[in-house]
Amino acid sequence: MATVRQREAARKNIKKAQMKWEGMDRRQHAKSQPEGRARAQIGSKGEGKFYRIEVGNKENFTTFRYHDVGSKGHLMRLSGKRPTGSWGTQAWLVEKGDAHMQGQTLVADTRDARELFSKLGSRPKHIKGDIFAAMDRRNVPEGEKPTPAQKRARSANIRKAQQSRRKSS
């Protein structure tokens, strides 16, 4: 049985808690709950329309943007802006009709998905739900450099510089 003093202390504590609670916004309310009232992580339940293949660490980016790649709605690139201002790929989203799970890896069913998977540095490995992890692009040995793509980019940049010089003179 509680004493009179304990009951008074309990009433005071309840009043203090109510006052503090009224001064909080919704986010602070949710954070103060012991269970956190957090919503599930994206893709962790496996109920979405897309498989997510993470190729970059989310913490390296400040802003994110989706880009449709190929035919509309099948492949999407989630690019992130780094604090330095440069952009990079954080994840790829592949529609569930374009790929399927086989064991612990993701296997492409369409041409676009096969092209994407061939450009990745490793096979997408299952983490949880609809989330997979892979390396961004394959490691090109120094002996194979410059690659044809690097040669094309270099010649295109030289052409651009020459044209801008012609325009300015």
Protein backbone atom coordinates (compact mmCIF):
# COMPACT_ATOMS: atom_id res chain seq x y z
CA MET A 1 0.00 0.00 0.00
CA ALA A 2 1.33 3.42 -0.98
CA THR A 3 1.71 6.12 1.63
CA VAL A 4 0.14 9.60 1.35
CA ARG A 5 3.56 11.07 0.54
CA GLN A 6 4.15 8.51 -2.28
CA ARG A 7 0.74 9.26 -3.82
CA GLU A 8 1.45 13.02 -3.78
CA ALA A 9 4.87 12.47 -5.37
CA ALA A 10 3.26 10.27 -8.05
CA ARG A 11 0.67 12.98 -8.81
CA LYS A 12 3.43 15.60 -9.14
CA ASN A 13 5.45 13.34 -11.46
CA ILE A 14 2.41 12.71 -13.65
CA LYS A 15 1.74 16.46 -13.90
CA LYS A 16 5.40 17.09 -14.85
CA ALA A 17 5.26 14.39 -17.53
CA GLN A 18 2.02 15.79 -18.96
CA MET A 19 3.49 19.30 -19.14
CA LYS A 20 6.58 18.04 -20.90
CA TRP A 21 4.49 15.92 -23.31
CA GLU A 22 2.35 18.92 -24.29
CA GLY A 23 5.48 20.86 -25.23
CA MET A 24 6.65 18.20 -27.73
CA ASP A 25 5.91 17.89 -31.44
CA ARG A 26 4.90 14.59 -33.13
CA ARG A 27 8.44 13.57 -33.96
CA GLN A 28 9.61 14.07 -30.37
CA HIS A 29 6.61 12.04 -29.14
CA ALA A 30 7.57 9.14 -31.40
CA LYS A 31 11.22 9.26 -30.38
CA SER A 32 10.39 9.26 -26.69
CA GLN A 33 8.40 6.02 -26.96
CA PRO A 34 10.39 3.00 -25.73
CA GLU A 35 9.52 0.99 -28.86
CA GLY A 36 10.28 4.00 -31.07
CA ARG A 37 7.11 3.77 -33.18
CA ALA A 38 9.44 3.64 -36.17
CA ARG A 39 8.11 2.65 -39.55
CA ALA A 40 9.73 -0.26 -41.34
CA GLN A 41 12.86 0.35 -43.41
CA ILE A 42 12.24 0.67 -47.15
CA GLY A 43 12.21 -2.76 -48.81
CA SER A 44 12.77 -4.69 -45.60
CA LYS A 45 9.40 -6.45 -45.65
CA GLY A 46 9.51 -7.67 -49.26
CA GLU A 47 6.10 -6.26 -50.18
CA GLY A 48 7.11 -3.60 -52.74
CA LYS A 49 7.07 -3.50 -56.55
CA PHE A 50 10.85 -3.30 -56.91
CA TYR A 51 14.01 -5.12 -55.88
CA ARG A 52 16.55 -2.64 -54.50
CA ILE A 53 20.22 -3.26 -55.35
CA GLU A 54 22.39 -1.06 -53.14
CA VAL A 55 25.76 -0.20 -54.68
CA GLY A 56 26.81 2.76 -52.53
CA ASN A 57 26.71 3.67 -48.87
CA LYS A 58 23.69 5.87 -48.08
CA GLU A 59 25.67 7.93 -45.56
CA ASN A 60 27.99 9.23 -48.33
CA PHE A 61 25.15 11.24 -49.90
CA THR A 62 23.08 14.24 -48.82
CA THR A 63 20.33 14.43 -51.48
CA PHE A 64 18.71 11.72 -53.59
CA ARG A 65 16.96 11.62 -56.97
CA TYR A 66 15.35 8.83 -59.04
CA HIS A 67 15.94 8.41 -62.78
CA ASP A 68 14.03 6.09 -65.09
CA VAL A 69 16.46 3.99 -67.14
CA GLY A 70 15.34 2.12 -70.26
CA SER A 71 11.60 1.58 -70.69
CA LYS A 72 9.42 3.52 -68.24
CA GLY A 73 9.07 2.04 -64.77
CA HIS A 74 11.22 -1.08 -65.19
CA LEU A 75 14.68 0.06 -64.12
CA MET A 76 15.31 3.07 -61.93
CA ARG A 77 18.59 4.58 -60.77
CA LEU A 78 18.71 6.20 -57.35
CA SER A 79 21.48 8.77 -57.56
CA GLY A 80 22.83 10.70 -54.62
CA LYS A 81 24.61 14.02 -54.31
CA ARG A 82 27.80 13.97 -52.26
CA PRO A 83 28.80 16.85 -49.96
CA THR A 84 31.43 17.77 -52.57
CA GLY A 85 28.68 18.37 -55.15
CA SER A 86 29.36 15.35 -57.36
CA TRP A 87 26.64 12.79 -58.10
CA GLY A 88 26.90 9.01 -57.89
CA THR A 89 24.70 5.92 -57.94
CA GLN A 90 23.47 4.82 -54.53
CA ALA A 91 21.08 2.06 -55.63
CA TRP A 92 19.27 0.48 -58.56
CA LEU A 93 15.58 -0.43 -58.49
CA VAL A 94 14.55 -3.39 -60.66
CA GLU A 95 10.86 -4.16 -61.14
CA LYS A 96 9.93 -7.59 -59.77
CA GLY A 97 8.71 -8.70 -63.21
CA ASP A 98 12.18 -8.08 -64.66
CA ALA A 99 14.11 -10.30 -62.22
CA HIS A 100 13.61 -13.11 -59.73
CA MET A 101 15.37 -14.52 -56.68
CA GLN A 102 17.30 -17.74 -57.10
CA GLY A 103 18.76 -18.87 -53.81
CA GLN A 104 20.47 -15.83 -52.28
CA THR A 105 21.07 -13.95 -55.56
CA LEU A 106 18.98 -11.98 -58.02
CA VAL A 107 18.67 -13.27 -61.60
CA ALA A 108 17.64 -11.05 -64.52
CA ASP A 109 14.67 -12.01 -66.72
CA THR A 110 14.70 -9.16 -69.26
CA ARG A 111 17.35 -7.75 -71.58
CA ASP A 112 17.57 -4.41 -69.72
CA ALA A 113 18.01 -6.13 -66.36
CA ARG A 114 20.67 -8.49 -67.81
CA GLU A 115 22.54 -5.46 -69.18
CA LEU A 116 22.44 -3.78 -65.77
CA PHE A 117 23.58 -6.94 -63.94
CA SER A 118 26.49 -7.38 -66.36
CA LYS A 119 27.67 -3.81 -65.63
CA LEU A 120 27.58 -4.36 -61.86
CA GLY A 121 30.85 -5.35 -60.20
CA SER A 122 29.33 -8.40 -58.50
CA ARG A 123 26.15 -10.47 -58.48
CA PRO A 124 23.39 -8.96 -56.30
CA LYS A 125 23.39 -10.83 -52.96
CA HIS A 126 20.27 -10.93 -50.77
CA ILE A 127 20.34 -8.94 -47.52
CA LYS A 128 16.70 -8.83 -46.34
CA GLY A 129 13.23 -8.41 -47.85
CA ASP A 130 13.66 -6.83 -51.29
CA ILE A 131 17.13 -5.43 -50.55
CA PHE A 132 20.26 -6.73 -52.29
CA ALA A 133 23.87 -5.56 -52.28
CA ALA A 134 26.35 -5.45 -55.16
CA MET A 135 29.49 -3.59 -56.15
CA ASP A 136 28.98 -0.53 -58.35
CA ARG A 137 31.00 -1.60 -61.38
CA ARG A 138 33.60 -4.16 -62.27
CA ASN A 139 37.22 -3.55 -61.40
CA VAL A 140 39.17 -2.80 -64.60
CA PRO A 141 42.82 -3.90 -64.40
CA GLU A 142 45.39 -1.20 -65.20
CA GLY A 143 46.61 -3.21 -68.19
CA GLU A 144 43.22 -2.80 -69.91
CA LYS A 145 43.17 0.98 -69.53
CA PRO A 146 42.30 3.24 -71.22
CA THR A 147 39.05 1.43 -71.97
CA PRO A 148 37.13 2.17 -75.19
CA ALA A 149 34.65 4.25 -73.16
CA GLN A 150 37.48 6.30 -71.65
CA LYS A 151 38.94 6.86 -75.14
CA ARG A 152 35.55 8.02 -76.49
CA ALA A 153 35.02 10.37 -73.54
CA ARG A 154 38.50 11.83 -73.91
CA SER A 155 38.09 12.51 -77.65
CA ALA A 156 34.63 14.03 -77.05
CA ASN A 157 36.10 16.34 -74.39
CA ILE A 158 38.90 17.39 -76.75
CA ARG A 159 36.33 18.15 -79.48
CA LYS A 160 34.26 20.25 -77.03
CA ALA A 161 37.34 22.23 -75.97
CA GLN A 162 38.33 22.87 -79.60
CA GLN A 163 34.83 24.07 -80.49
CA SER A 164 34.69 26.44 -77.52
CA ARG A 165 38.09 27.89 -78.51
CA ARG A 166 36.87 28.47 -82.06
CA LYS A 167 33.76 30.25 -80.79
CA SER A 168 35.70 32.54 -78.45
CA SER A 169 38.26 33.63 -81.09
